[in-house]
Amino acid sequence: MLQFQVFLEVSPGLLGPPQNLLHIRAVGTNSTLHYVWSTLGPPAALLVATNTPHSVLKVNWSRLLSPELTGGLTVLPEDSIQFSSALVFTRLFEFDSTDAAAKPPGKPYPPYSLSNFSWNNITDSLDPATLSATLEGHPIDDPTGAFANGSLIFRVQAFSKSGRPDQPPRLLHTADTCQLEVALTGASPRGNHSLFALEVATLGRGPDCPSMQEQRSIDDEYAPAVFQLDQLLWGSLPSGFVQWRPVAFSQKQGGRESAMPCHASPPQRAYLLPQSPVVRGFFGPQNNFCAFNLTFGASTGPGYWDQYYLSWSMLLGVGTPPVDPLSPLVLGIMAVALGAPGLMLLAGGLFLLLGPKRYSEYQRIN
């Protein structure tokens, strides 16, 4: 059975703002999953899977904080690595959805580069009891004051066993996965009906970008009115995956009334992206980045403008992604729907065989 241990590495004796690096390790009988979350540069997550329970993460802070980044982050022994990739959250887009002349999602405002955000000290939010930590940031340069009372939040959580969170979209997790909730709260939009989008970059394997897949379901008990599960897959097993439901919420207590669509664009090659020291420190110079956008909301219906709030969740892991079984409610409905005709036929047959005999009133005359 996999168990989680949470580690926080902070460079000692640094001047200036704290250097956030969170290390989550899932140790199995014959394997280890390493998740490294950092806000050095844009927020990034490094995912490394090894075939030994004894692999370790090594951080060379002098390299990681210098122009010579390569070798700043390593997982040893290196020959135990079975899979590795990364996600980098590069920019926050904002669109004017009321501009009828613009292509959907609307006329773009200047984007927020997340590499130019200032982030809280992750040590203050580390909670070993819930295996979670929160990164909260705002632009270093905010001339319009849009984030004077707002922030962008990344809440990372690991799990010690399988289950579901209490709040929608209630993604099914296992003990070797990690969940990220992204929330934008309190920031002043630059339009009356602004839509927001998050740019996500990842490393492709070879010449191809990871594939985007959709899974359909007849069951929406865990995420009302959402019958789809989206996945980003890096390739053949053992491989990594990102899994999410195409829904975001405009209220903290997510529900049907605050649900808004989340549209994901197909991953495409990207070259001009902010650099993540953690990713560069582990992989060295790379040019096989792919990027896709997650756009939250539509021009009508619930939106960020309701309460100046939106949240979206995803699951990150390696191996076969969790598969939602049919809920007890749907199984019960199917049993009733499929079982009722059979019961009626059975009851009818038994009645014909065992029911009272009816005799003709005709009597034979001898």
Protein backbone atom coordinates (compact mmCIF):
# COMPACT_ATOMS: atom_id res chain seq x y z
CA MET A 1 0.00 0.00 0.00
CA LEU A 2 1.34 3.41 -0.96
CA GLN A 3 1.96 5.97 1.75
CA PHE A 4 2.66 9.65 1.48
CA GLN A 5 5.31 11.64 3.25
CA VAL A 6 5.43 15.39 2.72
CA PHE A 7 8.72 17.29 2.68
CA LEU A 8 9.43 20.99 2.31
CA GLU A 9 12.87 22.07 1.12
CA VAL A 10 13.84 25.71 1.71
CA SER A 11 17.29 27.02 0.88
CA PRO A 12 18.98 28.10 4.13
CA GLY A 13 20.52 31.51 4.51
CA LEU A 14 18.86 33.07 1.46
CA LEU A 15 18.33 36.79 1.27
CA GLY A 16 15.13 38.18 -0.18
CA PRO A 17 11.81 36.36 -0.61
CA PRO A 18 11.47 32.69 0.45
CA GLN A 19 12.21 30.05 -2.17
CA ASN A 20 9.25 27.70 -2.28
CA LEU A 21 9.84 24.05 -3.09
CA LEU A 22 7.41 21.38 -1.90
CA HIS A 23 8.33 17.72 -2.28
CA ILE A 24 5.60 15.08 -2.04
CA ARG A 25 6.74 11.47 -2.11
CA ALA A 26 4.50 8.42 -2.58
CA VAL A 27 6.42 5.30 -1.61
CA GLY A 28 5.19 1.86 -2.69
CA THR A 29 6.59 -1.63 -2.32
CA ASN A 30 8.70 -1.41 -5.47
CA SER A 31 8.31 2.19 -6.61
CA THR A 32 8.31 5.85 -5.66
CA LEU A 33 6.49 8.83 -7.12
CA HIS A 34 8.07 12.23 -6.61
CA TYR A 35 5.98 15.40 -6.99
CA VAL A 36 7.91 18.67 -6.79
CA TRP A 37 5.88 21.89 -6.67
CA SER A 38 7.63 25.24 -6.86
CA THR A 39 7.07 28.95 -7.47
CA LEU A 40 10.63 29.64 -8.56
CA GLY A 41 9.64 31.41 -11.76
CA PRO A 42 6.12 30.47 -12.86
CA PRO A 43 4.33 27.84 -10.72
CA ALA A 44 5.45 24.39 -11.84
CA ALA A 45 5.02 20.74 -10.94
CA LEU A 46 7.67 18.13 -11.64
CA LEU A 47 6.56 14.48 -11.75
CA VAL A 48 9.10 11.64 -11.53
CA ALA A 49 8.33 7.91 -11.19
CA THR A 50 11.02 5.40 -10.19
CA ASN A 51 11.11 1.62 -9.83
CA THR A 52 12.58 1.61 -6.33
CA PRO A 53 11.22 2.64 -2.93
CA HIS A 54 14.62 4.11 -2.07
CA SER A 55 14.92 6.89 -4.67
CA VAL A 56 15.64 10.35 -3.27
CA LEU A 57 15.38 13.96 -4.41
CA LYS A 58 18.54 16.07 -4.35
CA VAL A 59 18.42 19.87 -4.55
CA ASN A 60 21.51 21.88 -5.47
CA TRP A 61 20.35 25.36 -4.50
CA SER A 62 23.49 27.11 -5.71
CA ARG A 63 22.78 25.82 -9.22
CA LEU A 64 19.00 26.18 -9.01
CA LEU A 65 19.30 29.87 -8.18
CA SER A 66 22.02 30.61 -10.73
CA PRO A 67 22.01 31.01 -14.53
CA GLU A 68 23.56 27.52 -14.76
CA LEU A 69 20.39 25.66 -13.81
CA THR A 70 21.13 22.20 -15.21
CA GLY A 71 21.73 19.72 -12.41
CA GLY A 72 20.00 21.87 -9.83
CA LEU A 73 17.43 19.13 -9.25
CA THR A 74 18.05 15.37 -9.51
CA VAL A 75 16.37 12.13 -8.49
CA LEU A 76 18.78 9.34 -7.55
CA PRO A 77 19.54 6.71 -8.64
CA GLU A 78 19.04 8.15 -12.11
CA ASP A 79 18.74 4.71 -13.75
CA SER A 80 15.65 3.99 -11.62
CA ILE A 81 13.59 6.71 -13.36
CA GLN A 82 10.75 5.20 -15.41
CA PHE A 83 8.88 8.39 -16.29
CA SER A 84 9.36 12.11 -15.86
CA SER A 85 7.59 15.23 -17.07
CA ALA A 86 6.39 18.58 -15.83
CA LEU A 87 3.54 21.08 -15.88
CA VAL A 88 4.22 24.82 -15.91
CA PHE A 89 1.44 27.35 -15.32
CA THR A 90 2.68 30.25 -17.38
CA ARG A 91 0.00 32.92 -17.91
CA LEU A 92 -3.45 34.01 -16.77
CA PHE A 93 -5.53 35.38 -19.65
CA GLU A 94 -8.55 37.67 -19.42
CA PHE A 95 -11.08 38.22 -22.22
CA ASP A 96 -13.94 40.65 -22.82
CA SER A 97 -16.75 38.24 -23.65
CA THR A 98 -19.15 41.08 -24.59
CA ASP A 99 -17.14 42.05 -27.70
CA ALA A 100 -19.31 40.58 -30.47
CA ALA A 101 -16.67 41.32 -33.12
CA ALA A 102 -13.98 39.23 -31.42
CA LYS A 103 -13.56 35.49 -31.77
CA PRO A 104 -14.55 33.43 -28.71
CA PRO A 105 -13.77 33.63 -25.88
CA GLY A 106 -13.57 37.39 -26.61
CA LYS A 107 -11.25 40.34 -27.00
CA PRO A 108 -8.07 39.68 -24.97
CA TYR A 109 -6.70 42.03 -22.36
CA PRO A 110 -2.94 42.03 -21.68
CA PRO A 111 -2.19 38.70 -19.93
CA TYR A 112 -0.76 38.26 -16.45
CA SER A 113 2.61 36.47 -16.54
CA LEU A 114 2.74 34.15 -13.53
CA SER A 115 6.54 34.33 -13.52
CA ASN A 116 6.07 37.95 -12.37
CA PHE A 117 3.95 37.03 -9.35
CA SER A 118 4.99 37.23 -5.72
CA TRP A 119 4.04 34.18 -3.63
CA ASN A 120 3.52 33.51 0.05
CA ASN A 121 5.91 31.40 2.11
CA ILE A 122 4.61 27.88 1.61
CA THR A 123 5.90 26.87 5.04
CA ASP A 124 3.13 28.93 6.66
CA SER A 125 0.40 26.92 4.92
CA LEU A 126 1.89 23.42 5.11
CA ASP A 127 -0.58 21.08 6.82
CA PRO A 128 0.82 17.57 7.44
CA ALA A 129 -2.54 16.41 8.81
CA THR A 130 -4.29 16.94 5.46
CA LEU A 131 -1.13 16.51 3.34
CA SER A 132 -1.78 19.90 1.77
CA ALA A 133 -0.14 23.25 1.16
CA THR A 134 -1.31 26.51 -0.40
CA LEU A 135 0.54 28.89 -2.71
CA GLU A 136 -1.06 32.33 -2.89
CA GLY A 137 0.24 34.99 -5.25
CA HIS A 138 -0.38 38.38 -6.82
CA PRO A 139 1.44 40.41 -9.49
CA ILE A 140 4.63 42.14 -8.37
CA ASP A 141 3.73 45.04 -10.65
CA ASP A 142 0.01 45.83 -10.54
CA PRO A 143 -0.45 49.37 -11.93
CA THR A 144 -4.25 49.08 -12.22
CA GLY A 145 -4.65 47.65 -8.72
CA ALA A 146 -6.64 44.69 -10.07
CA PHE A 147 -5.14 42.41 -7.42
CA ALA A 148 -5.26 44.92 -4.56
CA ASN A 149 -7.82 42.71 -2.81
CA GLY A 150 -7.35 39.57 -4.86
CA SER A 151 -5.02 36.64 -5.36
CA LEU A 152 -4.38 33.55 -7.45
CA ILE A 153 -4.28 30.41 -5.30
CA PHE A 154 -2.75 26.99 -5.96
CA ARG A 155 -3.78 24.45 -3.33
CA VAL A 156 -1.86 21.17 -3.54
CA GLN A 157 -3.05 18.05 -1.75
CA ALA A 158 -1.75 14.49 -1.53
CA PHE A 159 -3.71 11.51 -0.25
CA SER A 160 -2.99 8.57 2.02
CA LYS A 161 -5.83 6.44 0.64
CA SER A 162 -8.39 6.28 -2.15
CA GLY A 163 -11.51 8.42 -1.98
CA ARG A 164 -13.19 11.63 -3.10
CA PRO A 165 -13.10 15.19 -1.76
CA ASP A 166 -16.28 16.54 -0.20
CA GLN A 167 -16.58 19.44 -2.65
CA PRO A 168 -17.42 19.12 -6.38
CA PRO A 169 -16.17 18.04 -8.82
CA ARG A 170 -15.19 15.22 -6.41
CA LEU A 171 -12.52 13.62 -8.57
CA LEU A 172 -11.73 10.04 -7.62
CA HIS A 173 -8.18 9.86 -6.25
CA THR A 174 -5.84 7.07 -5.21
CA ALA A 175 -2.99 7.08 -2.70
CA ASP A 176 -0.39 7.78 -5.38
CA THR A 177 -2.05 10.82 -6.98
CA CYS A 178 -1.87 14.51 -6.23
CA GLN A 179 -4.66 17.08 -6.61
CA LEU A 180 -4.35 20.73 -7.54
CA GLU A 181 -7.11 23.27 -7.00
CA VAL A 182 -6.64 26.62 -8.75
CA ALA A 183 -8.73 29.54 -7.48
CA LEU A 184 -8.93 33.17 -8.56
CA THR A 185 -10.53 35.26 -5.86
CA GLY A 186 -11.15 38.96 -5.25
CA ALA A 187 -9.29 40.27 -8.30
CA SER A 188 -11.07 43.11 -10.11
CA PRO A 189 -11.90 42.16 -13.71
CA ARG A 190 -11.17 44.64 -16.49
CA GLY A 191 -14.61 44.12 -18.05
CA ASN A 192 -18.20 43.56 -16.95
CA HIS A 193 -18.25 39.98 -18.22
CA SER A 194 -14.62 38.92 -18.22
CA LEU A 195 -13.66 35.33 -18.91
CA PHE A 196 -10.39 33.96 -17.58
CA ALA A 197 -8.10 31.28 -18.99
CA LEU A 198 -5.00 29.53 -17.69
CA GLU A 199 -2.11 28.66 -19.98
CA VAL A 200 -0.46 25.34 -19.10
CA ALA A 201 2.79 24.12 -20.63
CA THR A 202 4.16 20.60 -20.48
CA LEU A 203 7.05 18.60 -21.87
CA GLY A 204 6.23 16.34 -24.78
CA ARG A 205 7.76 12.89 -25.11
CA GLY A 206 9.70 12.90 -28.36
CA PRO A 207 8.31 14.91 -31.27
CA ASP A 208 4.66 14.62 -30.25
CA CYS A 209 2.58 16.55 -27.76
CA PRO A 210 0.61 14.69 -25.08
CA SER A 211 -2.84 13.63 -26.25
CA MET A 212 -6.11 15.04 -24.98
CA GLN A 213 -8.93 12.54 -24.46
CA GLU A 214 -12.57 12.77 -23.43
CA GLN A 215 -14.45 10.11 -21.51
CA ARG A 216 -18.24 10.14 -21.48
CA SER A 217 -20.45 8.77 -18.72
CA ILE A 218 -24.15 8.33 -17.96
CA ASP A 219 -23.46 9.11 -14.30
CA ASP A 220 -23.33 12.64 -12.85
CA GLU A 221 -23.87 11.93 -9.15
CA TYR A 222 -20.44 13.24 -8.10
CA ALA A 223 -20.49 16.27 -10.43
CA PRO A 224 -24.12 17.22 -11.19
CA ALA A 225 -24.88 17.86 -14.87
CA VAL A 226 -21.29 16.96 -15.89
CA PHE A 227 -21.10 13.74 -17.92
CA GLN A 228 -17.52 14.06 -19.14
CA LEU A 229 -14.00 13.51 -17.84
CA ASP A 230 -11.01 15.02 -19.69
CA GLN A 231 -7.50 13.56 -19.61
CA LEU A 232 -4.06 14.59 -20.77
CA LEU A 233 -1.91 11.51 -21.43
CA TRP A 234 1.81 11.48 -22.18
CA GLY A 235 1.89 8.13 -23.96
CA SER A 236 2.17 4.41 -23.31
CA LEU A 237 2.50 3.07 -19.77
CA PRO A 238 4.21 3.76 -17.50
CA SER A 239 3.13 7.28 -18.29
CA GLY A 240 1.76 10.32 -16.55
CA PHE A 241 -1.73 11.72 -16.71
CA VAL A 242 -3.68 14.82 -15.81
CA GLN A 243 -7.39 14.32 -15.21
CA TRP A 244 -10.18 16.84 -14.69
CA ARG A 245 -13.87 17.42 -15.24
CA PRO A 246 -14.65 20.20 -17.74
CA VAL A 247 -16.31 22.36 -15.11
CA ALA A 248 -15.32 25.28 -12.89
CA PHE A 249 -17.28 27.01 -10.16
CA SER A 250 -18.11 30.65 -9.46
CA GLN A 251 -18.77 30.06 -5.74
CA LYS A 252 -16.70 28.47 -2.99
CA GLN A 253 -19.48 25.99 -2.27
CA GLY A 254 -19.44 24.54 -5.76
CA GLY A 255 -22.76 23.22 -7.02
CA ARG A 256 -25.01 23.01 -10.04
CA GLU A 257 -26.10 26.66 -9.73
CA SER A 258 -22.49 27.94 -9.84
CA ALA A 259 -21.09 25.49 -12.41
CA MET A 260 -19.58 26.95 -15.56
CA PRO A 261 -17.95 25.16 -18.50
CA CYS A 262 -14.21 24.64 -18.78
CA HIS A 263 -12.93 24.37 -22.34
CA ALA A 264 -9.49 22.88 -23.05
CA SER A 265 -7.68 23.64 -26.30
CA PRO A 266 -5.59 20.87 -27.93
CA PRO A 267 -1.90 20.87 -26.89
CA GLN A 268 0.34 22.55 -29.46
CA ARG A 269 4.04 23.21 -29.77
CA ALA A 270 5.16 26.30 -27.86
CA TYR A 271 8.53 28.02 -27.93
CA LEU A 272 8.33 31.44 -26.26
CA LEU A 273 7.44 30.47 -22.70
CA PRO A 274 8.63 31.73 -19.31
CA GLN A 275 11.37 29.49 -17.97
CA SER A 276 10.86 27.38 -14.86
CA PRO A 277 14.13 26.93 -12.91
CA VAL A 278 12.84 23.65 -11.43
CA VAL A 279 12.04 22.17 -14.85
CA ARG A 280 15.26 23.47 -16.39
CA GLY A 281 17.25 22.29 -13.37
CA PHE A 282 15.98 18.72 -13.78
CA PHE A 283 15.70 18.33 -17.56
CA GLY A 284 18.34 20.78 -18.75
CA PRO A 285 17.72 22.90 -21.87
CA GLN A 286 14.54 21.73 -23.62
CA ASN A 287 12.66 22.84 -26.73
CA ASN A 288 9.88 20.24 -26.83
CA PHE A 289 7.30 22.16 -24.83
CA CYS A 290 3.62 21.95 -25.65
CA ALA A 291 0.94 24.29 -24.30
CA PHE A 292 -2.83 24.34 -23.99
CA ASN A 293 -5.36 26.77 -22.55
CA LEU A 294 -8.12 26.12 -20.05
CA THR A 295 -10.91 28.70 -20.48
CA PHE A 296 -13.42 29.04 -17.66
CA GLY A 297 -17.01 30.11 -18.23
CA ALA A 298 -19.09 31.44 -21.11
CA SER A 299 -20.57 34.81 -22.02
CA THR A 300 -23.86 33.79 -20.41
CA GLY A 301 -24.69 31.84 -17.27
CA PRO A 302 -22.67 31.75 -14.05
CA GLY A 303 -19.34 33.54 -14.23
CA TYR A 304 -16.48 35.08 -12.31
CA TRP A 305 -18.47 38.31 -12.16
CA ASP A 306 -21.02 36.73 -9.78
CA GLN A 307 -18.82 36.80 -6.68
CA TYR A 308 -15.34 37.56 -8.09
CA TYR A 309 -14.45 33.93 -7.63
CA LEU A 310 -13.66 30.88 -9.72
CA SER A 311 -12.11 27.51 -8.93
CA TRP A 312 -11.05 24.49 -10.95
CA SER A 313 -9.46 21.17 -9.93
CA MET A 314 -7.27 18.55 -11.55
CA LEU A 315 -5.59 15.26 -10.61
CA LEU A 316 -1.98 14.40 -11.46
CA GLY A 317 -0.46 10.93 -11.40
CA VAL A 318 1.39 8.10 -13.14
CA GLY A 319 0.02 4.82 -14.46
CA THR A 320 -3.59 4.00 -15.22
CA PRO A 321 -5.86 6.97 -14.42
CA PRO A 322 -8.61 6.34 -11.86
CA VAL A 323 -11.85 5.18 -13.48
CA ASP A 324 -15.19 6.28 -12.07
CA PRO A 325 -17.42 3.28 -11.32
CA LEU A 326 -21.15 3.71 -11.65
CA SER A 327 -22.56 5.23 -8.49
CA PRO A 328 -24.93 3.22 -6.24
CA LEU A 329 -27.79 5.52 -7.31
CA VAL A 330 -27.29 4.78 -11.01
CA LEU A 331 -26.80 1.06 -10.34
CA GLY A 332 -30.07 1.05 -8.41
CA ILE A 333 -31.92 2.81 -11.22
CA MET A 334 -30.48 0.36 -13.77
CA ALA A 335 -31.43 -2.60 -11.61
CA VAL A 336 -35.00 -1.35 -11.35
CA ALA A 337 -35.22 -0.46 -15.05
CA LEU A 338 -33.73 -3.73 -16.26
CA GLY A 339 -35.18 -5.90 -13.54
CA ALA A 340 -38.81 -4.80 -13.66
CA PRO A 341 -39.64 -6.35 -17.09
CA GLY A 342 -37.97 -9.60 -16.08
CA LEU A 343 -39.88 -9.72 -12.82
CA MET A 344 -43.14 -9.09 -14.67
CA LEU A 345 -42.46 -11.93 -17.12
CA LEU A 346 -41.50 -14.26 -14.29
CA ALA A 347 -44.59 -13.37 -12.29
CA GLY A 348 -46.79 -13.87 -15.35
CA GLY A 349 -45.28 -17.27 -16.07
CA LEU A 350 -45.71 -18.43 -12.49
CA PHE A 351 -49.29 -17.25 -12.50
CA LEU A 352 -50.06 -19.26 -15.63
CA LEU A 353 -48.40 -22.35 -14.22
CA LEU A 354 -49.58 -22.20 -10.65
CA GLY A 355 -52.64 -20.01 -10.79
CA PRO A 356 -56.25 -21.31 -10.32
CA LYS A 357 -57.60 -23.48 -13.13
CA ARG A 358 -60.60 -22.28 -15.10
CA TYR A 359 -62.91 -24.97 -16.48
CA SER A 360 -65.35 -24.71 -19.35
CA GLU A 361 -69.07 -24.75 -18.52
CA TYR A 362 -69.66 -27.29 -21.30
CA GLN A 363 -70.56 -30.75 -19.96
CA ARG A 364 -70.36 -33.84 -22.08
CA ILE A 365 -73.66 -35.72 -22.61
CA ASN A 366 -73.30 -39.44 -22.59
